[in-house]
Amino acid sequence: MGIMDFFVSVPTLSAEEARRLIESQDMDRYNLIDVRQPKEYAEQHLPGARLIPLGELKERVGEIDPANPTIVY
């Protein structure tokens, strides 16, 4: 991963658009990644969300299925 990888434009969704995607798709058709800390995740998270804290994302990116859209929050 090079420095220019941080400047690649990626599509974004509003909260409403993300909600519609989650409600309209089976959970195996998208990746829902919660990048908060474990304590925050334990207190409350979206159903089906997988915890990958932001500080671990670079090392754990291989756990995310690249064939599916990914929603990160």
N, C-alpha and C. Protein backbone atom coordinates (compact mmCIF):
# COMPACT_ATOMS: atom_id res chain seq x y z
N MET A 1 0.84 -1.17 0.00
CA MET A 1 0.00 0.00 0.00
C MET A 1 0.89 1.23 0.00
N GLY A 2 0.68 2.08 -0.98
CA GLY A 2 1.46 3.29 -1.08
C GLY A 2 0.69 4.50 -0.58
N ILE A 3 1.39 5.60 -0.46
CA ILE A 3 0.77 6.83 0.04
C ILE A 3 -0.39 7.28 -0.84
N MET A 4 -0.32 7.05 -2.13
CA MET A 4 -1.38 7.49 -3.03
C MET A 4 -2.68 6.70 -2.83
N ASP A 5 -2.59 5.52 -2.21
CA ASP A 5 -3.80 4.74 -1.93
C ASP A 5 -4.75 5.49 -0.99
N PHE A 6 -4.22 6.42 -0.22
CA PHE A 6 -5.05 7.18 0.71
C PHE A 6 -5.84 8.29 0.00
N PHE A 7 -5.54 8.54 -1.27
CA PHE A 7 -6.18 9.62 -2.00
C PHE A 7 -7.11 9.13 -3.11
N VAL A 8 -7.44 7.86 -3.09
CA VAL A 8 -8.35 7.28 -4.07
C VAL A 8 -9.77 7.59 -3.65
N SER A 9 -10.55 8.11 -4.57
CA SER A 9 -11.94 8.43 -4.28
C SER A 9 -12.74 7.14 -4.17
N VAL A 10 -13.57 7.06 -3.14
CA VAL A 10 -14.43 5.89 -2.96
C VAL A 10 -15.87 6.38 -2.83
N PRO A 11 -16.82 5.57 -3.29
CA PRO A 11 -18.22 5.98 -3.16
C PRO A 11 -18.62 6.03 -1.68
N THR A 12 -19.46 6.96 -1.35
CA THR A 12 -19.98 7.05 0.01
C THR A 12 -21.50 6.94 -0.02
N LEU A 13 -22.05 6.51 1.09
CA LEU A 13 -23.50 6.39 1.23
C LEU A 13 -23.95 7.23 2.41
N SER A 14 -25.12 7.79 2.30
CA SER A 14 -25.73 8.44 3.46
C SER A 14 -26.19 7.33 4.41
N ALA A 15 -26.52 7.71 5.62
CA ALA A 15 -27.03 6.72 6.57
C ALA A 15 -28.30 6.05 6.03
N GLU A 16 -29.14 6.83 5.38
CA GLU A 16 -30.38 6.28 4.82
C GLU A 16 -30.07 5.29 3.69
N GLU A 17 -29.13 5.63 2.82
CA GLU A 17 -28.77 4.72 1.73
C GLU A 17 -28.17 3.43 2.28
N ALA A 18 -27.35 3.53 3.30
CA ALA A 18 -26.76 2.33 3.92
C ALA A 18 -27.86 1.47 4.54
N ARG A 19 -28.81 2.11 5.21
CA ARG A 19 -29.92 1.36 5.81
C ARG A 19 -30.71 0.60 4.76
N ARG A 20 -31.00 1.26 3.64
CA ARG A 20 -31.74 0.60 2.55
C ARG A 20 -30.95 -0.58 1.99
N LEU A 21 -29.64 -0.41 1.80
CA LEU A 21 -28.82 -1.52 1.29
C LEU A 21 -28.85 -2.70 2.25
N ILE A 22 -28.68 -2.42 3.53
CA ILE A 22 -28.67 -3.49 4.53
C ILE A 22 -30.02 -4.20 4.57
N GLU A 23 -31.09 -3.46 4.48
CA GLU A 23 -32.43 -4.06 4.54
C GLU A 23 -32.79 -4.82 3.27
N SER A 24 -32.19 -4.47 2.15
CA SER A 24 -32.59 -5.08 0.88
C SER A 24 -31.71 -6.27 0.46
N GLN A 25 -30.64 -6.50 1.15
CA GLN A 25 -29.69 -7.55 0.77
C GLN A 25 -29.55 -8.59 1.87
N ASP A 26 -29.25 -9.81 1.48
CA ASP A 26 -28.87 -10.83 2.45
C ASP A 26 -27.53 -10.43 3.04
N MET A 27 -27.29 -10.79 4.30
CA MET A 27 -26.06 -10.39 4.98
C MET A 27 -24.80 -10.92 4.32
N ASP A 28 -24.91 -11.99 3.56
CA ASP A 28 -23.73 -12.53 2.89
C ASP A 28 -23.42 -11.82 1.57
N ARG A 29 -24.20 -10.78 1.23
CA ARG A 29 -24.01 -10.04 -0.02
C ARG A 29 -23.28 -8.71 0.19
N TYR A 30 -22.91 -8.41 1.44
CA TYR A 30 -22.16 -7.19 1.74
C TYR A 30 -21.33 -7.42 3.00
N ASN A 31 -20.33 -6.59 3.18
CA ASN A 31 -19.51 -6.60 4.38
C ASN A 31 -19.91 -5.40 5.22
N LEU A 32 -20.21 -5.62 6.48
CA LEU A 32 -20.55 -4.54 7.40
C LEU A 32 -19.48 -4.53 8.48
N ILE A 33 -18.63 -3.52 8.45
CA ILE A 33 -17.46 -3.47 9.32
C ILE A 33 -17.59 -2.31 10.31
N ASP A 34 -17.51 -2.61 11.59
CA ASP A 34 -17.53 -1.62 12.66
C ASP A 34 -16.07 -1.38 13.05
N VAL A 35 -15.59 -0.16 12.87
CA VAL A 35 -14.17 0.14 13.13
C VAL A 35 -13.96 0.83 14.48
N ARG A 36 -14.97 0.82 15.31
CA ARG A 36 -14.84 1.43 16.64
C ARG A 36 -14.06 0.51 17.57
N GLN A 37 -13.93 0.91 18.80
CA GLN A 37 -13.21 0.11 19.79
C GLN A 37 -14.11 -1.00 20.34
N PRO A 38 -13.51 -2.09 20.84
CA PRO A 38 -14.30 -3.22 21.35
C PRO A 38 -15.36 -2.84 22.37
N LYS A 39 -15.05 -1.91 23.27
CA LYS A 39 -16.02 -1.51 24.28
C LYS A 39 -17.25 -0.87 23.62
N GLU A 40 -17.03 -0.03 22.63
CA GLU A 40 -18.13 0.61 21.92
C GLU A 40 -18.97 -0.44 21.18
N TYR A 41 -18.28 -1.39 20.55
CA TYR A 41 -18.95 -2.47 19.82
C TYR A 41 -19.80 -3.30 20.78
N ALA A 42 -19.25 -3.60 21.95
CA ALA A 42 -19.96 -4.42 22.93
C ALA A 42 -21.21 -3.70 23.44
N GLU A 43 -21.16 -2.39 23.56
CA GLU A 43 -22.30 -1.63 24.05
C GLU A 43 -23.46 -1.65 23.06
N GLN A 44 -23.12 -1.52 21.76
CA GLN A 44 -24.16 -1.55 20.73
C GLN A 44 -23.51 -1.55 19.36
N HIS A 45 -24.04 -2.36 18.48
CA HIS A 45 -23.57 -2.38 17.09
C HIS A 45 -24.71 -2.84 16.19
N LEU A 46 -24.55 -2.59 14.91
CA LEU A 46 -25.57 -3.01 13.95
C LEU A 46 -25.56 -4.53 13.83
N PRO A 47 -26.73 -5.14 13.71
CA PRO A 47 -26.78 -6.60 13.53
C PRO A 47 -25.97 -7.03 12.31
N GLY A 48 -25.14 -8.03 12.51
CA GLY A 48 -24.32 -8.56 11.42
C GLY A 48 -22.99 -7.86 11.24
N ALA A 49 -22.76 -6.79 11.99
CA ALA A 49 -21.50 -6.06 11.86
C ALA A 49 -20.35 -6.87 12.46
N ARG A 50 -19.22 -6.78 11.80
CA ARG A 50 -18.01 -7.43 12.28
C ARG A 50 -17.08 -6.37 12.83
N LEU A 51 -16.52 -6.61 14.00
CA LEU A 51 -15.61 -5.66 14.62
C LEU A 51 -14.20 -5.84 14.06
N ILE A 52 -13.71 -4.77 13.45
CA ILE A 52 -12.30 -4.67 13.06
C ILE A 52 -11.89 -3.25 13.43
N PRO A 53 -11.33 -3.05 14.63
CA PRO A 53 -10.97 -1.69 15.05
C PRO A 53 -10.09 -1.00 14.01
N LEU A 54 -10.30 0.29 13.86
CA LEU A 54 -9.60 1.06 12.85
C LEU A 54 -8.09 0.83 12.88
N GLY A 55 -7.51 0.77 14.07
CA GLY A 55 -6.08 0.56 14.20
C GLY A 55 -5.61 -0.80 13.71
N GLU A 56 -6.52 -1.76 13.54
CA GLU A 56 -6.18 -3.11 13.08
C GLU A 56 -6.56 -3.33 11.62
N LEU A 57 -7.23 -2.36 11.01
CA LEU A 57 -7.79 -2.55 9.68
C LEU A 57 -6.74 -2.92 8.65
N LYS A 58 -5.60 -2.26 8.66
CA LYS A 58 -4.56 -2.53 7.67
C LYS A 58 -4.11 -4.00 7.73
N GLU A 59 -3.94 -4.52 8.94
CA GLU A 59 -3.48 -5.90 9.10
C GLU A 59 -4.59 -6.92 8.84
N ARG A 60 -5.84 -6.52 8.99
CA ARG A 60 -6.95 -7.47 8.90
C ARG A 60 -7.79 -7.32 7.64
N VAL A 61 -7.35 -6.47 6.71
CA VAL A 61 -8.14 -6.21 5.50
C VAL A 61 -8.41 -7.51 4.72
N GLY A 62 -7.55 -8.50 4.85
CA GLY A 62 -7.73 -9.78 4.18
C GLY A 62 -8.96 -10.55 4.66
N GLU A 63 -9.53 -10.15 5.78
CA GLU A 63 -10.74 -10.81 6.31
C GLU A 63 -12.00 -10.32 5.61
N ILE A 64 -11.88 -9.27 4.81
CA ILE A 64 -13.04 -8.67 4.16
C ILE A 64 -13.15 -9.21 2.73
N ASP A 65 -14.31 -9.73 2.39
CA ASP A 65 -14.54 -10.30 1.06
C ASP A 65 -14.56 -9.18 0.01
N PRO A 66 -13.56 -9.13 -0.86
CA PRO A 66 -13.49 -8.04 -1.85
C PRO A 66 -14.57 -8.14 -2.94
N ALA A 67 -15.24 -9.27 -3.03
CA ALA A 67 -16.28 -9.45 -4.06
C ALA A 67 -17.59 -8.76 -3.67
N ASN A 68 -17.72 -8.39 -2.40
CA ASN A 68 -18.95 -7.77 -1.91
C ASN A 68 -18.72 -6.30 -1.56
N PRO A 69 -19.75 -5.46 -1.69
CA PRO A 69 -19.62 -4.09 -1.24
C PRO A 69 -19.35 -4.06 0.26
N THR A 70 -18.62 -3.06 0.69
CA THR A 70 -18.25 -2.96 2.10
C THR A 70 -18.77 -1.64 2.67
N ILE A 71 -19.47 -1.75 3.79
CA ILE A 71 -19.93 -0.58 4.52
C ILE A 71 -19.11 -0.54 5.80
N VAL A 72 -18.45 0.59 6.01
CA VAL A 72 -17.60 0.77 7.19
C VAL A 72 -18.18 1.90 8.02
N TYR A 73 -18.30 1.64 9.32
CA TYR A 73 -18.75 2.72 10.21
C TYR A 73 -18.01 2.66 11.51
